[in-house]
Every structure is written in C-alpha cells, then in structure tokens.
Protein backbone atom coordinates (compact mmCIF):
# COMPACT_ATOMS: atom_id res chain seq x y z
CA UNK A 1 90.41 -113.90 -151.97
CA UNK A 2 89.83 -114.28 -155.50
CA UNK A 3 90.97 -112.83 -158.72
CA UNK A 4 89.31 -111.73 -161.52
CA UNK A 5 90.92 -113.38 -164.65
CA UNK A 6 89.71 -112.78 -168.71
CA UNK A 7 87.51 -115.25 -168.27
CA UNK A 8 85.38 -113.07 -166.22
CA UNK A 9 84.90 -115.06 -163.67
CA UNK A 10 85.77 -115.31 -160.27
CA UNK A 11 88.73 -117.02 -158.98
CA UNK A 12 90.17 -118.36 -155.83
CA UNK A 13 93.81 -117.42 -154.94
CA UNK A 14 95.85 -120.38 -155.28
CA UNK A 15 99.50 -120.01 -155.34
CA UNK A 16 100.88 -119.47 -151.76
CA UNK A 17 97.86 -120.92 -149.57
CA UNK A 18 97.60 -123.18 -146.63
CA UNK A 19 94.77 -125.01 -149.31
CA UNK A 20 97.44 -124.90 -152.17
CA UNK A 21 97.56 -129.27 -151.62
CA UNK A 22 93.22 -129.08 -152.28
CA UNK A 23 93.71 -127.00 -155.09
CA UNK A 24 96.82 -128.90 -156.76
CA UNK A 25 94.52 -131.93 -156.57
CA UNK A 26 91.58 -130.80 -157.82
CA UNK A 27 93.82 -129.41 -160.90
CA UNK A 28 94.64 -133.30 -161.65
CA UNK A 29 91.01 -134.27 -160.76
CA UNK A 30 91.06 -135.55 -157.14
CA UNK A 31 89.95 -134.83 -154.00
CA UNK A 32 92.26 -134.47 -151.48
CA UNK A 33 91.97 -133.11 -147.95
CA UNK A 34 93.92 -132.41 -144.36
CA UNK A 35 93.31 -134.74 -141.88
CA UNK A 36 95.12 -134.42 -138.65
CA UNK A 37 98.83 -136.18 -137.95
CA UNK A 38 97.68 -136.53 -134.13
CA UNK A 39 93.97 -138.08 -134.16
CA UNK A 40 93.45 -138.32 -138.13
CA UNK A 41 90.76 -136.68 -137.83
CA UNK A 42 89.80 -134.32 -140.76
CA UNK A 43 90.70 -130.74 -140.33
CA UNK A 44 88.11 -129.11 -143.24
CA UNK A 45 87.85 -126.34 -143.69
CA UNK A 46 91.46 -126.26 -142.78
CA UNK A 47 92.07 -124.39 -139.55
CA UNK A 48 95.23 -123.52 -136.96
CA UNK A 49 94.06 -126.39 -134.39
CA UNK A 50 92.00 -129.92 -135.29
CA UNK A 51 88.71 -129.11 -134.04
CA UNK A 52 88.41 -132.65 -132.72
CA UNK A 53 91.65 -133.06 -130.60
CA UNK A 54 92.35 -129.50 -129.68
CA UNK A 55 96.20 -129.91 -131.02
CA UNK A 56 97.52 -127.34 -133.87
CA UNK A 57 99.38 -130.48 -135.37
CA UNK A 58 100.51 -130.59 -139.01
CA UNK A 59 97.96 -132.16 -141.37
CA UNK A 60 98.69 -134.80 -143.84
CA UNK A 61 96.81 -134.46 -147.48
CA UNK A 62 94.65 -137.58 -148.50
CA UNK A 63 92.58 -138.51 -151.08
CA UNK A 64 89.26 -139.14 -150.46
CA UNK A 65 86.43 -141.06 -152.45
CA UNK A 66 85.32 -138.45 -154.82
CA UNK A 67 81.57 -139.15 -154.69
CA UNK A 68 78.87 -137.79 -151.96
CA UNK A 69 75.17 -137.04 -151.40
CA UNK A 70 73.39 -133.88 -151.43
CA UNK A 71 72.97 -132.41 -148.23
CA UNK A 72 71.48 -129.29 -149.26
CA UNK A 73 70.88 -126.96 -151.85
CA UNK A 74 69.61 -123.65 -153.31
CA UNK A 75 68.93 -121.71 -156.14
CA UNK A 76 70.40 -118.13 -156.86
CA UNK A 77 68.54 -115.95 -158.14
CA UNK A 78 70.23 -112.83 -158.21
CA UNK A 79 73.42 -111.91 -159.71
CA UNK A 80 75.94 -111.03 -156.96
CA UNK A 81 78.91 -109.99 -158.95
CA UNK A 82 79.51 -109.24 -162.55
CA UNK A 83 81.70 -112.34 -162.81
CA UNK A 84 79.17 -114.48 -161.44
CA UNK A 85 77.80 -117.00 -164.35
CA UNK A 86 74.00 -116.26 -165.71
CA UNK A 87 71.08 -116.72 -163.35
CA UNK A 88 69.36 -118.53 -161.76
CA UNK A 89 71.45 -121.63 -161.37
CA UNK A 90 72.14 -124.16 -158.36
CA UNK A 91 74.38 -124.34 -155.07
CA UNK A 92 74.83 -127.77 -153.74
CA UNK A 93 75.86 -128.77 -150.23
CA UNK A 94 77.83 -132.13 -150.99
CA UNK A 95 78.74 -134.55 -148.17
CA UNK A 96 81.66 -136.87 -148.49
CA UNK A 97 83.45 -139.56 -146.96
CA UNK A 98 84.33 -138.73 -143.53
CA UNK A 99 81.57 -136.38 -143.15
CA UNK A 100 83.36 -133.66 -144.85
CA UNK A 101 81.06 -131.14 -146.50
CA UNK A 102 81.80 -128.83 -149.29
CA UNK A 103 79.78 -126.34 -151.52
CA UNK A 104 80.15 -126.04 -155.42
CA UNK A 105 77.32 -125.33 -158.25
CA UNK A 106 75.51 -128.14 -159.44
CA UNK A 107 74.66 -129.37 -162.84
CA UNK A 108 71.28 -131.42 -163.04
CA UNK A 109 71.02 -131.18 -167.03
CA UNK A 110 67.61 -129.04 -165.97
CA UNK A 111 66.57 -131.34 -163.12
CA UNK A 112 67.17 -129.52 -159.31
CA UNK A 113 69.39 -131.37 -156.87
CA UNK A 114 67.69 -133.42 -154.65
CA UNK A 115 68.63 -133.99 -150.88
CA UNK A 116 70.17 -137.53 -150.55
CA UNK A 117 71.22 -137.75 -154.50
CA UNK A 118 74.39 -139.20 -155.48
CA UNK A 119 76.41 -137.36 -157.21
CA UNK A 120 80.03 -136.83 -158.04
CA UNK A 121 82.61 -133.92 -159.31
CA UNK A 122 82.52 -132.35 -162.33
CA UNK A 123 86.49 -130.12 -162.57
CA UNK A 124 86.51 -127.54 -164.56
CA UNK A 125 90.05 -126.46 -165.74
CA UNK A 126 90.36 -122.68 -166.19
CA UNK A 127 93.62 -120.44 -166.29
CA UNK A 128 94.50 -120.38 -162.15
CA UNK A 129 92.57 -122.96 -161.33
CA UNK A 130 90.50 -126.00 -161.24
CA UNK A 131 86.92 -125.84 -160.39
CA UNK A 132 84.56 -128.45 -158.46
CA UNK A 133 81.03 -128.56 -159.05
CA UNK A 134 78.22 -131.34 -158.44
CA UNK A 135 76.14 -133.70 -161.37
CA UNK A 136 73.94 -136.26 -160.46
CA UNK A 137 75.96 -140.03 -160.66
CA UNK A 138 73.77 -141.91 -162.76
CA UNK A 139 73.09 -145.39 -161.34
CA UNK A 140 75.15 -146.85 -164.63
CA UNK A 141 77.99 -145.15 -163.31
CA UNK A 142 77.94 -146.48 -159.67
CA UNK A 143 77.36 -150.04 -161.76
CA UNK A 144 80.13 -149.79 -163.50
CA UNK A 145 82.38 -148.43 -160.79
CA UNK A 146 81.78 -151.51 -158.52
CA UNK A 147 81.82 -153.93 -161.28
CA UNK A 148 85.49 -152.50 -161.63
CA UNK A 149 86.12 -152.83 -158.29
CA UNK A 150 84.76 -156.58 -158.12
CA UNK A 151 87.43 -157.62 -161.21
CA UNK A 152 89.94 -154.87 -159.86
CA UNK A 153 90.11 -155.29 -156.04
C-alpha cells in the first residue's frame, strides 16, 4: 500500500503496519529485520508463520550489517506511474547478511550495477518514510571500516 504525498513520490504506508519496526529503523539509517523467536531464522518478507520451522511464533527485530552484494538488477525504461522518477533508472536486488534479500533503486554515479558488486545503503528521508536505495561500496570505505573495527573491536 502506498500514499501519494506532495513530494510527487510513491511512499509506503508505514504507521500501523506489521513492518513498522523496519521503517522506524530506516528513519535512523539502520536496517532491521524480523527473526523467528523459535528457531532464529530470518522471516523476511514477514509472513504469518516461519518459513523454516513453520510455527506462527512472534518475531524479534534485529539490526543487520547494512552492506551487501548485488544479486540481480534491471534497468527500467517505462514510467509506470506519474510519481515514479524519471526513466531510465536502475533497480537492484541486494543480498545482505543471513540471506536477506531486498530491492531498491541503485545509484552508481552513471555506472550500472554489476552482479556481485559490494553495495551500501543510501537513506532518503521523505515526509512519511525513509526509503532505502543502494550505491557502490567503494574499496576505501570498506578499508576504513575494517581499520575502525581493528581499533575499536
């Protein structure tokens, strides 16, 4: 479900939805996903029962590392709705830790995404939601993060 707001963008309905914790985390520039309370498997997309243990147990929301790799991508050439950005544009399917897959726009600075490419999220704060898109994770960014982990374990 989406709401149209004066930003002329399609935005998800956030408040009162089962995945409200996901949207609350994106507003803080974090990625948070549901995990089964029974078997600890990720439950994304969120369903009524766990896809692994098949129990309708509650979930606990847990932050995950916000970097991943492009699994697939496509270039969109048709404008399907007036609120959709100008075409053409790239969309990437990204795999995060725990096998979580999430779709989002891709901004490669004019370069197309590549399967296997390391990416990091870009958070776009809008009036009713914070959208997640993807951008390349530059080697110098990865190196700085690794050095920071060595200094501050």
